[in-house]
Amino acid sequence: MPGSERPYSDLLADILAVTDAAGALAMTWWVAGAPMHGHWEKRPGEPVSEADIAVDALLREQLGTLLPDAAWLSEESAQSLERAAARRAWIVDPIDGTRDFVRGRPGWAVSVALIEDGVSVVGVLIAPARSERWWAVRGEGAWRERSGQPAERLAVGSHATLSGARVPLDHMGGIDVDYRMVAKPNSIALRMAMVAADEADLVAGLRRGAEWDLAAAALIAQEAGARVTDALGEPIIFNKADPYVTGMLCAVPALHDAGLGRLRARALKLLRQG
């Protein structure tokens, strides 16, 4: 709770409105099935577009008006000075899944999280190309709204074995060959939201990830009943001085420990090699 200010549940409508506006702005660039112009690579394999920059600017201005004392961390703009010392922070990915965005595919979302004392207290994903909104306030459940339908409260599934577990993948192989492959949006946040909506059972990542990829979706998944940790099984703390995470595991509770058994050894090996 923000002390004498409005409770976070009361701020939700304003946060949703800002994120909706950001999604609408992104849609002025996006055309289904058509590659967009005006994008480049920040680093090899990491695309960014004019839309990312414009959406980031809108979010920073409007979210900053909602909570002027909150620090700022985004994939596409400079962080606030002394950000990690702030009790509250916005953690934002203006377009999570830029690769799908620039290719005219719908697997991208605007991701906004409000952090207090290292944990997400509000998380919002707007996926306008999919006509979806996802949100959660800590302690109040996770929700999804799709065009023309009432909002639905989300709950994870109960699949109890890695064999047959639904996992968003492009291909399967090695020790993961027993999974059941389901559609994989480029946005890691949307893949985690699939676990929240009982459309997947497990999402895992080994690579060093960024807080802005995870902060909103982690809360949505947790409020739907999922367990979310890093690839070593440790809780993810947000708004750290080094805003990166050692992999990620988001799974239905019955699968988390078994999934960690597959993931942890590989994560440790990568850490030793790095």
Protein backbone atom coordinates (compact mmCIF):
# COMPACT_ATOMS: atom_id res chain seq x y z
CA MET A 1 0.00 0.00 0.00
CA PRO A 2 1.32 3.46 -0.86
CA GLY A 3 0.76 4.91 2.62
CA SER A 4 -1.72 7.76 2.61
CA GLU A 5 -2.07 7.63 -1.18
CA ARG A 6 -4.58 5.60 -3.15
CA PRO A 7 -4.38 1.82 -2.74
CA TYR A 8 -2.93 -0.01 -5.71
CA SER A 9 -6.30 -1.51 -6.59
CA ASP A 10 -7.62 2.05 -7.02
CA LEU A 11 -4.66 2.94 -9.24
CA LEU A 12 -5.30 -0.05 -11.51
CA ALA A 13 -7.85 1.68 -13.76
CA ASP A 14 -5.41 4.52 -14.44
CA ILE A 15 -2.53 2.12 -15.11
CA LEU A 16 -4.72 0.14 -17.50
CA ALA A 17 -5.74 3.35 -19.30
CA VAL A 18 -2.11 4.39 -19.75
CA THR A 19 -1.09 0.94 -20.97
CA ASP A 20 -4.09 0.82 -23.33
CA ALA A 21 -2.95 4.12 -24.82
CA ALA A 22 0.54 2.69 -25.25
CA GLY A 23 -0.88 -0.36 -27.01
CA ALA A 24 -2.97 1.82 -29.31
CA LEU A 25 0.12 3.86 -30.20
CA ALA A 26 2.07 0.68 -30.99
CA MET A 27 -0.75 -0.46 -33.28
CA THR A 28 -0.24 2.61 -35.49
CA TRP A 29 2.97 0.91 -36.67
CA TRP A 30 1.87 -2.74 -36.66
CA VAL A 31 0.24 -4.40 -39.69
CA ALA A 32 -0.77 -8.06 -39.51
CA GLY A 33 1.45 -10.22 -41.69
CA ALA A 34 3.53 -7.31 -42.97
CA PRO A 35 7.14 -6.56 -41.96
CA MET A 36 7.55 -3.00 -40.71
CA HIS A 37 10.16 -0.44 -41.63
CA GLY A 38 11.92 1.68 -39.04
CA HIS A 39 13.63 -0.99 -36.97
CA TRP A 40 17.25 -1.92 -36.33
CA GLU A 41 19.35 -4.08 -34.00
CA LYS A 42 20.69 -2.67 -30.74
CA ARG A 43 22.94 -5.72 -30.59
CA PRO A 44 22.99 -8.80 -32.79
CA GLY A 45 19.69 -10.59 -32.42
CA GLU A 46 18.05 -7.79 -30.37
CA PRO A 47 15.70 -5.77 -32.58
CA VAL A 48 14.23 -2.40 -31.61
CA SER A 49 11.85 -0.20 -33.55
CA GLU A 50 10.61 3.36 -33.75
CA ALA A 51 7.46 2.10 -32.04
CA ASP A 52 9.46 0.84 -29.02
CA ILE A 53 10.94 4.30 -28.52
CA ALA A 54 7.64 6.17 -28.94
CA VAL A 55 5.71 3.81 -26.65
CA ASP A 56 8.44 4.05 -24.03
CA ALA A 57 8.22 7.85 -24.06
CA LEU A 58 4.43 7.79 -23.64
CA LEU A 59 4.64 5.36 -20.73
CA ARG A 60 7.38 7.28 -18.96
CA GLU A 61 5.48 10.55 -19.15
CA GLN A 62 2.05 9.22 -18.16
CA LEU A 63 3.10 6.69 -15.51
CA GLY A 64 5.39 9.31 -14.04
CA THR A 65 2.37 11.56 -13.60
CA LEU A 66 0.53 8.82 -11.69
CA LEU A 67 3.33 8.25 -9.16
CA PRO A 68 5.97 10.97 -9.42
CA ASP A 69 8.13 9.43 -6.68
CA ALA A 70 8.44 6.04 -8.40
CA ALA A 71 11.76 5.28 -10.10
CA TRP A 72 11.99 4.11 -13.71
CA LEU A 73 13.51 1.04 -15.37
CA SER A 74 12.81 0.26 -19.01
CA GLU A 75 14.43 -1.69 -21.80
CA GLU A 76 14.45 1.36 -24.06
CA SER A 77 15.37 4.41 -21.99
CA ALA A 78 17.76 5.57 -19.31
CA GLN A 79 16.90 4.46 -15.80
CA SER A 80 16.27 6.88 -12.95
CA LEU A 81 19.27 8.05 -10.99
CA GLU A 82 19.70 5.96 -7.83
CA ARG A 83 16.83 3.76 -9.05
CA ALA A 84 17.72 0.70 -6.98
CA ALA A 85 17.53 2.75 -3.77
CA ALA A 86 13.93 3.73 -4.47
CA ARG A 87 11.19 1.92 -2.61
CA ARG A 88 8.90 1.98 -5.65
CA ALA A 89 9.68 1.69 -9.34
CA TRP A 90 7.99 1.25 -12.68
CA ILE A 91 9.53 -1.60 -14.66
CA VAL A 92 8.49 -1.46 -18.29
CA ASP A 93 9.01 -3.20 -21.59
CA PRO A 94 7.30 -0.97 -24.17
CA ILE A 95 7.07 -3.84 -26.67
CA ASP A 96 7.92 -7.26 -25.32
CA GLY A 97 8.31 -9.53 -28.32
CA THR A 98 9.70 -6.97 -30.75
CA ARG A 99 10.73 -9.74 -33.14
CA ASP A 100 7.07 -10.70 -33.66
CA PHE A 101 6.08 -7.02 -33.76
CA VAL A 102 8.39 -6.08 -36.61
CA ARG A 103 7.38 -9.19 -38.58
CA GLY A 104 3.66 -8.43 -38.36
CA ARG A 105 2.94 -11.29 -35.97
CA PRO A 106 0.62 -10.87 -32.95
CA GLY A 107 2.85 -12.39 -30.25
CA TRP A 108 3.89 -9.13 -28.55
CA ALA A 109 2.64 -7.07 -25.62
CA VAL A 110 3.16 -3.85 -23.71
CA SER A 111 4.36 -4.81 -20.23
CA VAL A 112 4.06 -2.54 -17.19
CA ALA A 113 4.80 -3.46 -13.57
CA LEU A 114 4.83 -1.40 -10.41
CA ILE A 115 7.36 -2.64 -7.87
CA GLU A 116 7.42 -1.98 -4.15
CA ASP A 117 10.23 -3.23 -1.91
CA GLY A 118 11.46 -5.66 -4.55
CA VAL A 119 8.15 -7.33 -5.44
CA SER A 120 5.55 -6.64 -8.12
CA VAL A 121 2.38 -5.12 -6.72
CA VAL A 122 0.64 -4.36 -10.04
CA GLY A 123 1.24 -6.07 -13.37
CA VAL A 124 -0.41 -5.24 -16.70
CA LEU A 125 0.05 -6.74 -20.16
CA ILE A 126 -1.73 -5.24 -23.16
CA ALA A 127 -1.65 -7.38 -26.31
CA PRO A 128 -3.66 -5.30 -28.78
CA ALA A 129 -2.88 -7.42 -31.84
CA ARG A 130 -4.52 -10.29 -29.94
CA SER A 131 -7.31 -8.11 -28.47
CA GLU A 132 -6.25 -9.12 -24.94
CA ARG A 133 -5.58 -7.38 -21.63
CA TRP A 134 -4.07 -9.13 -18.62
CA TRP A 135 -3.68 -7.67 -15.15
CA ALA A 136 -3.07 -8.49 -11.51
CA VAL A 137 -2.85 -6.63 -8.22
CA ARG A 138 -0.97 -8.45 -5.48
CA GLY A 139 -3.42 -10.40 -3.33
CA GLU A 140 -6.39 -9.79 -5.66
CA GLY A 141 -6.03 -12.46 -8.34
CA ALA A 142 -5.13 -12.38 -12.02
CA TRP A 143 -7.50 -11.48 -14.81
CA ARG A 144 -7.76 -11.53 -18.61
CA GLU A 145 -10.17 -9.61 -20.80
CA ARG A 146 -10.64 -10.45 -24.46
CA SER A 147 -12.50 -8.36 -27.03
CA GLY A 148 -16.25 -8.71 -26.68
CA GLN A 149 -16.03 -10.92 -23.59
CA PRO A 150 -16.24 -10.19 -19.86
CA ALA A 151 -13.07 -10.31 -17.79
CA GLU A 152 -12.23 -13.79 -16.50
CA ARG A 153 -10.35 -14.65 -13.34
CA LEU A 154 -7.39 -16.89 -14.18
CA ALA A 155 -6.27 -20.12 -12.55
CA VAL A 156 -3.41 -22.41 -13.52
CA GLY A 157 -3.92 -26.03 -14.50
CA SER A 158 -3.10 -29.14 -12.50
CA HIS A 159 -0.98 -31.25 -14.86
CA ALA A 160 1.39 -33.20 -12.60
CA THR A 161 4.05 -34.78 -14.84
CA LEU A 162 6.66 -33.31 -17.15
CA SER A 163 5.65 -35.92 -19.71
CA GLY A 164 2.83 -34.35 -21.68
CA ALA A 165 3.22 -30.92 -20.09
CA ARG A 166 2.17 -28.11 -22.43
CA VAL A 167 5.18 -25.88 -23.17
CA PRO A 168 5.41 -23.01 -25.70
CA LEU A 169 8.22 -24.17 -27.99
CA ASP A 170 9.45 -23.84 -31.56
CA HIS A 171 10.84 -27.38 -31.55
CA MET A 172 11.60 -30.18 -29.10
CA GLY A 173 14.67 -32.29 -28.50
CA GLY A 174 17.02 -33.81 -25.94
CA ILE A 175 15.61 -34.39 -22.47
CA ASP A 176 12.65 -32.12 -23.23
CA VAL A 177 11.26 -34.36 -25.97
CA ASP A 178 8.36 -35.57 -23.79
CA TYR A 179 6.73 -32.14 -23.57
CA ARG A 180 3.60 -31.30 -25.55
CA MET A 181 4.41 -28.36 -27.80
CA VAL A 182 1.95 -25.44 -27.94
CA ALA A 183 2.07 -22.14 -29.83
CA LYS A 184 4.93 -19.86 -28.80
CA PRO A 185 4.53 -16.07 -28.97
CA ASN A 186 7.83 -14.20 -29.10
CA SER A 187 6.89 -12.30 -25.93
CA ILE A 188 8.18 -14.12 -22.85
CA ALA A 189 5.57 -12.23 -20.83
CA LEU A 190 2.77 -13.69 -22.95
CA ARG A 191 4.23 -17.18 -22.59
CA MET A 192 4.15 -16.79 -18.80
CA ALA A 193 0.59 -15.46 -19.06
CA MET A 194 -0.32 -18.66 -20.92
CA VAL A 195 0.54 -20.59 -17.75
CA ALA A 196 -1.72 -18.26 -15.78
CA ALA A 197 -4.58 -18.92 -18.23
CA ASP A 198 -4.17 -22.74 -18.21
CA GLU A 199 -2.98 -22.67 -21.84
CA ALA A 200 0.49 -23.92 -20.90
CA ASP A 201 1.90 -25.78 -17.91
CA LEU A 202 5.52 -24.66 -17.87
CA VAL A 203 7.75 -21.96 -19.33
CA ALA A 204 11.48 -22.04 -18.72
CA GLY A 205 14.49 -20.04 -19.81
CA LEU A 206 18.21 -20.51 -19.29
CA ARG A 207 19.57 -17.28 -20.68
CA ARG A 208 20.25 -14.27 -18.49
CA GLY A 209 16.98 -12.39 -18.62
CA ALA A 210 16.02 -8.83 -17.79
CA GLU A 211 13.62 -7.71 -15.10
CA TRP A 212 11.49 -5.85 -17.63
CA ASP A 213 10.74 -9.14 -19.41
CA LEU A 214 9.35 -10.72 -16.24
CA ALA A 215 8.07 -8.17 -13.72
CA ALA A 216 4.45 -7.85 -14.88
CA ALA A 217 3.94 -11.42 -16.07
CA ALA A 218 5.45 -12.93 -12.92
CA LEU A 219 2.76 -11.30 -10.80
CA ILE A 220 -0.01 -12.34 -13.20
CA ALA A 221 1.22 -15.93 -13.14
CA GLN A 222 1.67 -15.99 -9.35
CA GLU A 223 -1.77 -14.52 -8.71
CA ALA A 224 -3.21 -17.30 -10.90
CA GLY A 225 -1.44 -19.90 -8.76
CA ALA A 226 1.85 -20.51 -10.60
CA ARG A 227 5.28 -20.75 -8.99
CA VAL A 228 7.84 -18.38 -10.50
CA THR A 229 11.55 -18.52 -9.68
CA ASP A 230 14.87 -18.06 -11.42
CA ALA A 231 16.51 -21.08 -13.06
CA LEU A 232 18.23 -21.98 -9.79
CA GLY A 233 14.96 -22.05 -7.86
CA GLU A 234 15.51 -18.73 -6.09
CA PRO A 235 12.82 -16.04 -5.74
CA ILE A 236 13.10 -13.21 -8.25
CA ILE A 237 13.69 -9.83 -6.62
CA PHE A 238 12.92 -6.80 -8.76
CA ASN A 239 14.46 -3.33 -8.99
CA LYS A 240 17.92 -4.61 -8.15
CA ALA A 241 21.05 -2.61 -8.94
CA ASP A 242 21.86 -5.26 -11.56
CA PRO A 243 18.43 -5.70 -13.21
CA TYR A 244 19.10 -9.17 -14.63
CA VAL A 245 17.90 -12.63 -13.66
CA THR A 246 19.56 -16.05 -13.95
CA GLY A 247 17.01 -17.71 -16.19
CA MET A 248 13.38 -18.26 -15.24
CA LEU A 249 10.93 -21.04 -14.42
CA CYS A 250 7.18 -20.40 -14.40
CA ALA A 251 5.11 -23.53 -13.82
CA VAL A 252 1.99 -24.96 -12.28
CA PRO A 253 2.82 -25.93 -8.68
CA ALA A 254 2.81 -29.68 -9.31
CA LEU A 255 5.48 -29.31 -12.00
CA HIS A 256 7.82 -26.68 -10.61
CA ASP A 257 10.16 -28.92 -8.65
CA ALA A 258 10.41 -31.47 -11.46
CA GLY A 259 11.01 -28.71 -14.00
CA LEU A 260 13.70 -27.25 -11.78
CA GLY A 261 15.37 -30.67 -11.72
CA ARG A 262 15.83 -30.42 -15.49
CA LEU A 263 16.71 -26.75 -15.57
CA ARG A 264 19.02 -26.13 -12.63
CA ALA A 265 21.97 -28.29 -13.72
CA ARG A 266 21.98 -26.70 -17.17
CA ALA A 267 21.78 -23.22 -15.65
CA LEU A 268 24.73 -23.94 -13.36
CA LYS A 269 26.74 -25.26 -16.30
CA LEU A 270 26.10 -22.07 -18.26
CA LEU A 271 27.08 -19.96 -15.25
CA ARG A 272 30.39 -21.83 -14.92
CA GLN A 273 31.07 -21.39 -18.64
CA GLY A 274 30.25 -17.67 -18.41
